[in-house]
Amino acid sequence: MDRSRLDGLASSITGRGQVEREPVFRELRELGLSPIEAIYVASRVLGLSLPEAKTAIYASTAWRDQQEDWQRLQSGLEE
């Protein structure tokens, strides 16, 4: 994960003015970010903690289809 690139993206998005969750989540998905990268950027752009951003992203229409895969991956890591 290239944090400098992601921080630049977050600055670019916030530089456009007031931002709303769904359009941000949709843009991050369209840019091809991984879920972890999208959570990182969303937390910066929307002023959320990382856990809040994770919950919000998987509740969004743009990322909802990824929630099951993400939960399966996390469960596999815990075993």
C-alpha atoms as a PDB file:
ATOM      1  CA  MET A   1       0.000   0.000   0.000  1.00  0.00           C
ATOM      2  CA  ASP A   2       1.505   3.299  -1.131  1.00  0.00           C
ATOM      3  CA  ARG A   3       0.332   5.706   1.568  1.00  0.00           C
ATOM      4  CA  SER A   4       1.809   8.739  -0.194  1.00  0.00           C
ATOM      5  CA  ARG A   5      -0.293   7.993  -3.278  1.00  0.00           C
ATOM      6  CA  LEU A   6      -3.382   7.352  -1.170  1.00  0.00           C
ATOM      7  CA  ASP A   7      -2.860  10.522   0.876  1.00  0.00           C
ATOM      8  CA  GLY A   8      -2.563  12.457  -2.400  1.00  0.00           C
ATOM      9  CA  LEU A   9      -5.819  10.942  -3.611  1.00  0.00           C
ATOM     10  CA  ALA A  10      -7.526  11.829  -0.319  1.00  0.00           C
ATOM     11  CA  SER A  11      -6.283  15.421  -0.618  1.00  0.00           C
ATOM     12  CA  SER A  12      -7.533  15.607  -4.188  1.00  0.00           C
ATOM     13  CA  ILE A  13     -10.997  14.397  -3.203  1.00  0.00           C
ATOM     14  CA  THR A  14     -11.295  16.688  -0.173  1.00  0.00           C
ATOM     15  CA  GLY A  15      -9.994  19.603  -2.244  1.00  0.00           C
ATOM     16  CA  ARG A  16     -13.186  19.479  -4.303  1.00  0.00           C
ATOM     17  CA  GLY A  17     -15.225  20.701  -1.356  1.00  0.00           C
ATOM     18  CA  GLN A  18     -17.893  19.020   0.713  1.00  0.00           C
ATOM     19  CA  VAL A  19     -17.981  15.286   0.052  1.00  0.00           C
ATOM     20  CA  GLU A  20     -20.694  12.680   0.505  1.00  0.00           C
ATOM     21  CA  ARG A  21     -20.120   9.044   1.353  1.00  0.00           C
ATOM     22  CA  GLU A  22     -21.696   7.190  -1.572  1.00  0.00           C
ATOM     23  CA  PRO A  23     -19.983   9.206  -4.325  1.00  0.00           C
ATOM     24  CA  VAL A  24     -16.635   8.816  -2.530  1.00  0.00           C
ATOM     25  CA  PHE A  25     -17.086   5.058  -2.144  1.00  0.00           C
ATOM     26  CA  ARG A  26     -18.157   4.730  -5.787  1.00  0.00           C
ATOM     27  CA  GLU A  27     -15.139   6.730  -7.002  1.00  0.00           C
ATOM     28  CA  LEU A  28     -12.725   4.637  -4.949  1.00  0.00           C
ATOM     29  CA  ARG A  29     -14.230   1.454  -6.391  1.00  0.00           C
ATOM     30  CA  GLU A  30     -14.089   2.806  -9.944  1.00  0.00           C
ATOM     31  CA  LEU A  31     -10.423   3.725  -9.445  1.00  0.00           C
ATOM     32  CA  GLY A  32      -9.720   0.064  -8.707  1.00  0.00           C
ATOM     33  CA  LEU A  33      -8.540   0.494  -5.132  1.00  0.00           C
ATOM     34  CA  SER A  34      -8.382  -2.563  -2.926  1.00  0.00           C
ATOM     35  CA  PRO A  35     -10.806  -2.626   0.006  1.00  0.00           C
ATOM     36  CA  ILE A  36      -7.966  -1.804   2.413  1.00  0.00           C
ATOM     37  CA  GLU A  37      -6.843   1.149   0.291  1.00  0.00           C
ATOM     38  CA  ALA A  38     -10.425   2.387  -0.047  1.00  0.00           C
ATOM     39  CA  ILE A  39     -10.974   2.175   3.712  1.00  0.00           C
ATOM     40  CA  TYR A  40      -7.766   4.134   4.313  1.00  0.00           C
ATOM     41  CA  VAL A  41      -8.712   6.900   1.845  1.00  0.00           C
ATOM     42  CA  ALA A  42     -12.342   7.032   3.004  1.00  0.00           C
ATOM     43  CA  SER A  43     -11.241   7.459   6.607  1.00  0.00           C
ATOM     44  CA  ARG A  44      -9.132  10.473   5.593  1.00  0.00           C
ATOM     45  CA  VAL A  45     -11.735  12.028   3.306  1.00  0.00           C
ATOM     46  CA  LEU A  46     -14.780  11.509   5.522  1.00  0.00           C
ATOM     47  CA  GLY A  47     -13.106  12.000   8.903  1.00  0.00           C
ATOM     48  CA  LEU A  48     -13.932   8.491  10.096  1.00  0.00           C
ATOM     49  CA  SER A  49     -11.896   6.081  12.168  1.00  0.00           C
ATOM     50  CA  LEU A  50     -10.655   3.047  10.249  1.00  0.00           C
ATOM     51  CA  PRO A  51     -13.304   0.749  11.839  1.00  0.00           C
ATOM     52  CA  GLU A  52     -16.023   3.302  11.017  1.00  0.00           C
ATOM     53  CA  ALA A  53     -14.790   3.590   7.429  1.00  0.00           C
ATOM     54  CA  LYS A  54     -14.742  -0.208   7.062  1.00  0.00           C
ATOM     55  CA  THR A  55     -18.324  -0.505   8.310  1.00  0.00           C
ATOM     56  CA  ALA A  56     -19.484   2.360   6.094  1.00  0.00           C
ATOM     57  CA  ILE A  57     -17.765   1.045   2.971  1.00  0.00           C
ATOM     58  CA  TYR A  58     -19.325  -2.406   3.209  1.00  0.00           C
ATOM     59  CA  ALA A  59     -22.744  -0.873   3.851  1.00  0.00           C
ATOM     60  CA  SER A  60     -22.413   1.233   0.681  1.00  0.00           C
ATOM     61  CA  THR A  61     -23.939   0.176  -2.617  1.00  0.00           C
ATOM     62  CA  ALA A  62     -20.544   0.496  -4.314  1.00  0.00           C
ATOM     63  CA  TRP A  63     -18.781  -2.064  -2.094  1.00  0.00           C
ATOM     64  CA  ARG A  64     -21.585  -4.220  -0.665  1.00  0.00           C
ATOM     65  CA  ASP A  65     -20.728  -7.148  -2.948  1.00  0.00           C
ATOM     66  CA  GLN A  66     -17.238  -7.351  -1.399  1.00  0.00           C
ATOM     67  CA  GLN A  67     -18.405  -7.741   2.201  1.00  0.00           C
ATOM     68  CA  GLU A  68     -18.789 -11.532   2.114  1.00  0.00           C
ATOM     69  CA  ASP A  69     -15.321 -12.062   0.597  1.00  0.00           C
ATOM     70  CA  TRP A  70     -13.773  -9.720   3.148  1.00  0.00           C
ATOM     71  CA  GLN A  71     -15.446 -11.509   6.063  1.00  0.00           C
ATOM     72  CA  ARG A  72     -14.328 -14.883   4.690  1.00  0.00           C
ATOM     73  CA  LEU A  73     -10.739 -13.624   4.444  1.00  0.00           C
ATOM     74  CA  GLN A  74     -10.795 -12.295   8.002  1.00  0.00           C
ATOM     75  CA  SER A  75     -12.260 -15.539   9.327  1.00  0.00           C
ATOM     76  CA  GLY A  76      -9.511 -17.495   7.593  1.00  0.00           C
ATOM     77  CA  LEU A  77      -6.852 -15.332   9.205  1.00  0.00           C
ATOM     78  CA  GLU A  78      -8.311 -15.862  12.671  1.00  0.00           C
ATOM     79  CA  GLU A  79      -8.263 -19.668  12.387  1.00  0.00           C
END
